[in-house]
Protein backbone atom coordinates (compact mmCIF):
# COMPACT_ATOMS: atom_id res chain seq x y z
CA MET A 1 -4.50 10.31 -35.54
CA LEU A 2 -0.84 10.43 -36.61
CA SER A 3 -0.56 14.05 -35.49
CA ILE A 4 -1.65 13.09 -31.94
CA LEU A 5 1.01 10.37 -31.54
CA PRO A 6 4.00 12.77 -31.12
CA LEU A 7 1.98 14.73 -28.56
CA ILE A 8 1.35 11.56 -26.53
CA LEU A 9 5.02 10.58 -26.71
CA THR A 10 6.06 14.10 -25.71
CA THR A 11 3.63 14.13 -22.82
CA SER A 12 4.87 10.83 -21.44
CA ARG A 13 8.49 11.99 -21.75
CA ARG A 14 7.60 15.21 -19.94
CA LEU A 15 5.93 13.22 -17.20
CA ARG A 16 9.00 11.03 -16.79
CA ASN A 17 11.22 14.12 -16.66
CA ALA A 18 8.92 15.76 -14.09
CA ILE A 19 9.23 12.72 -11.85
CA ILE A 20 13.02 12.75 -12.19
CA ARG A 21 13.10 16.50 -11.46
CA GLY A 22 10.92 15.91 -8.40
CA ILE A 23 13.39 13.35 -7.06
CA MET A 24 16.32 15.69 -7.70
CA GLN A 25 14.44 18.56 -6.06
CA TRP A 26 13.88 16.37 -3.03
CA ASP A 27 17.65 15.87 -2.77
CA PHE A 28 18.20 19.64 -3.03
CA TRP A 29 15.54 20.29 -0.38
CA MET A 30 17.21 17.85 2.01
CA HIS A 31 20.45 19.74 1.35
CA HIS A 32 18.77 23.02 2.34
CA VAL A 33 17.47 21.53 5.56
CA ARG A 34 21.04 20.64 6.57
CA CYS A 35 22.87 23.55 4.91
CA ARG A 36 24.58 26.09 7.23
CA ARG A 37 24.05 28.84 4.69
CA CYS A 38 20.27 28.22 4.66
CA LEU A 39 19.74 27.73 8.40
CA PRO A 40 20.37 31.29 9.71
CA SER A 41 17.76 32.85 7.44
CA LEU A 42 15.50 29.77 7.40
CA VAL A 43 15.12 30.45 3.68
CA PRO A 44 16.79 28.15 1.19
CA HIS A 45 19.13 29.83 -1.27
CA ALA A 46 17.09 28.23 -4.06
CA VAL A 47 13.34 27.90 -4.42
CA ILE A 48 12.40 24.23 -4.29
CA VAL A 49 8.97 22.75 -4.86
CA THR A 50 8.69 19.44 -3.04
CA PRO A 51 6.49 16.92 -4.87
CA LEU A 52 3.32 15.82 -3.12
CA PHE A 53 4.24 12.14 -3.07
CA PHE A 54 7.23 12.83 -0.83
CA SER A 55 5.19 14.64 1.79
CA MET A 56 2.57 11.91 2.27
CA GLN A 57 3.10 9.53 5.17
CA VAL A 58 1.37 6.19 4.68
CA PRO A 59 1.87 3.59 7.41
CA SER A 60 3.27 0.23 6.38
CA GLY A 61 1.05 -2.76 6.92
CA GLN A 62 1.59 -5.00 9.93
CA LEU A 63 2.08 -8.55 8.69
CA VAL A 64 -0.81 -10.91 9.44
CA LEU A 65 0.15 -14.47 8.54
CA ARG A 66 -3.29 -16.00 8.89
CA LEU A 67 -6.78 -14.57 9.09
CA THR A 68 -7.31 -16.65 12.23
CA GLU A 69 -4.99 -14.20 14.03
CA ILE A 70 -7.63 -11.54 13.44
CA ARG A 71 -10.41 -13.87 14.55
CA ASP A 72 -8.59 -14.73 17.79
CA ASP A 73 -7.95 -11.10 18.79
CA PRO A 74 -9.95 -8.64 16.65
CA GLN A 75 -9.34 -5.65 18.95
CA ALA A 76 -5.57 -5.93 18.51
CA PHE A 77 -5.94 -5.27 14.78
CA ALA A 78 -8.88 -2.84 14.77
CA ASN A 79 -8.10 0.53 13.14
CA LYS A 80 -4.58 -0.53 12.20
CA SER A 81 -2.78 -0.87 8.91
CA VAL A 82 -2.32 -4.55 8.04
CA ARG A 83 -1.00 -6.76 5.27
CA LEU A 84 -2.86 -10.03 4.77
CA LYS A 85 -3.73 -12.59 2.14
CA GLY A 86 -6.74 -14.69 1.28
CA ILE A 87 -8.65 -16.45 -1.48
CA LEU A 88 -11.29 -14.31 -3.16
CA LYS A 89 -14.68 -15.96 -2.59
CA THR A 90 -17.22 -13.29 -3.62
CA PHE A 91 -17.20 -9.88 -5.25
CA ASP A 92 -20.10 -7.42 -5.62
CA PRO A 93 -19.02 -4.60 -7.97
CA GLY A 94 -22.14 -2.53 -7.25
CA ALA A 95 -21.48 -2.37 -3.51
CA ASN A 96 -17.66 -2.51 -3.85
CA LEU A 97 -17.56 -5.44 -1.42
CA ALA A 98 -15.57 -8.63 -1.65
CA THR A 99 -15.03 -11.56 0.69
CA ILE A 100 -11.77 -13.41 1.18
CA GLU A 101 -11.20 -16.67 3.01
CA TYR A 102 -8.11 -18.29 4.46
CA ASP A 103 -7.88 -21.03 7.10
CA ASP A 104 -11.69 -21.30 7.36
CA TYR A 105 -12.13 -17.63 8.33
CA GLN A 106 -13.78 -15.02 6.12
CA LEU A 107 -13.18 -11.28 6.03
CA GLU A 108 -15.06 -8.54 4.18
CA ILE A 109 -13.12 -6.22 1.90
CA ASP A 110 -14.26 -2.73 0.85
CA THR A 111 -12.80 -2.36 -2.67
CA ALA A 112 -13.76 1.31 -3.19
CA LEU A 113 -10.10 2.43 -3.30
CA LEU A 114 -9.08 -0.35 -5.70
CA ASP A 115 -10.33 0.73 -9.08
CA PRO A 116 -10.52 -1.38 -11.19
CA PHE A 117 -10.77 -4.53 -9.09
CA SER A 118 -10.02 -7.17 -11.71
CA PHE A 119 -9.18 -10.30 -9.74
CA PRO A 120 -11.02 -13.54 -10.61
CA ILE A 121 -12.97 -15.52 -8.02
CA GLY A 122 -10.65 -18.11 -6.48
CA ALA A 123 -7.50 -16.00 -6.82
CA MET A 124 -5.05 -15.70 -3.93
CA ILE A 125 -4.67 -11.97 -3.23
CA GLU A 126 -2.55 -9.97 -0.79
CA PHE A 127 -3.99 -6.71 0.55
CA ILE A 128 -2.38 -3.80 2.36
CA GLY A 129 -4.82 -1.45 4.04
CA GLU A 130 -6.65 -0.37 7.15
CA LEU A 131 -8.73 -2.82 9.16
CA GLN A 132 -11.73 -0.93 10.51
CA SER A 133 -14.35 -2.02 13.00
CA ASN A 134 -17.90 -1.55 11.72
CA GLU A 135 -20.99 -2.77 13.61
CA ALA A 136 -19.14 -5.48 15.55
CA LYS A 137 -17.39 -6.81 12.44
CA LEU A 138 -14.10 -5.97 10.83
CA ILE A 139 -13.85 -4.61 7.29
CA LEU A 140 -10.57 -4.19 5.44
CA ARG A 141 -10.24 -1.02 3.32
CA PRO A 142 -7.18 -1.85 1.22
CA ARG A 143 -5.15 0.68 -0.72
CA VAL A 144 -3.01 -1.98 -2.44
CA ALA A 145 -3.88 -5.43 -3.80
CA ARG A 146 -1.73 -7.90 -5.70
CA SER A 147 -2.11 -11.41 -7.00
CA MET A 148 -0.22 -14.16 -5.19
CA ASP A 149 -1.32 -17.09 -7.35
CA THR A 150 2.21 -18.04 -8.40
CA LEU A 151 3.73 -17.67 -4.92
CA ASP A 152 4.95 -20.66 -2.92
CA LEU A 153 2.79 -20.08 0.18
CA GLU A 154 4.69 -22.50 2.42
CA LEU A 155 7.98 -20.73 1.73
CA TYR A 156 6.29 -17.31 2.08
CA GLU A 157 4.92 -18.18 5.53
CA LYS A 158 8.28 -19.54 6.70
CA ALA A 159 10.03 -16.34 5.58
CA ALA A 160 7.37 -14.21 7.28
CA GLN A 161 7.77 -16.15 10.53
CA TYR A 162 11.54 -15.63 10.45
CA LYS A 163 10.98 -11.93 9.81
CA ARG A 164 8.64 -11.72 12.81
CA LYS A 165 11.17 -13.43 15.08
CA TYR A 166 13.89 -11.08 13.87
CA MET A 167 11.73 -7.96 14.37
CA GLU A 168 10.67 -9.07 17.88
CA GLN A 169 14.32 -8.95 18.95
CA PHE A 170 14.38 -5.18 18.37
CA GLN A 171 11.06 -4.22 19.93
C-alpha cells in the first residue's frame, strides 16, 4: 500500500501539470491565430495540441426566476438552456427522475447526467441544463446542479431581477 502512495501523488501532480500546460498551449495557439509569421503558411511555427475542454461550446443557462414563468409560457423555454431553482420533492434513482417544486409548480428532472445525485429530499437546488419538450410536458436535463440551502433567496431574486433589467438595456 505504501508503494502505491507515491504513484498516486505523482499522478495527481502530472494531471495538474497537464491542465496548466493545456492552458499555456491555448495561449500559444491564440498567438498563432494572430501571428503574421503563421498566417501566410497557415501553419503555426510550433505544433500545439489544443485541449478538448477549450473546443467545447456549451450554452449558458437563461435565468428563470420562478418556475411559474415556465408554466405561463412553456413554448418560450422549450429546447433552450435554462438556469432554475426548486425544492426537491421526489427522486427515483432507478428511473433517474426527480421532481422539484417552487411557487406551487412542479417540474420533472432527468438526472441521468448528474452522477451521483446526492441531494436530500427538501433541499433547495439550482440546475443548469436543457429544457426539453416530451409528450406535452417539459423535462429538464441538467448538466449542473448545486445546493442553495444556505442562500438568502430574497436577496438572490432581487439581484437576478436587477441583472435582467440591466441585460434588457443591451438587447
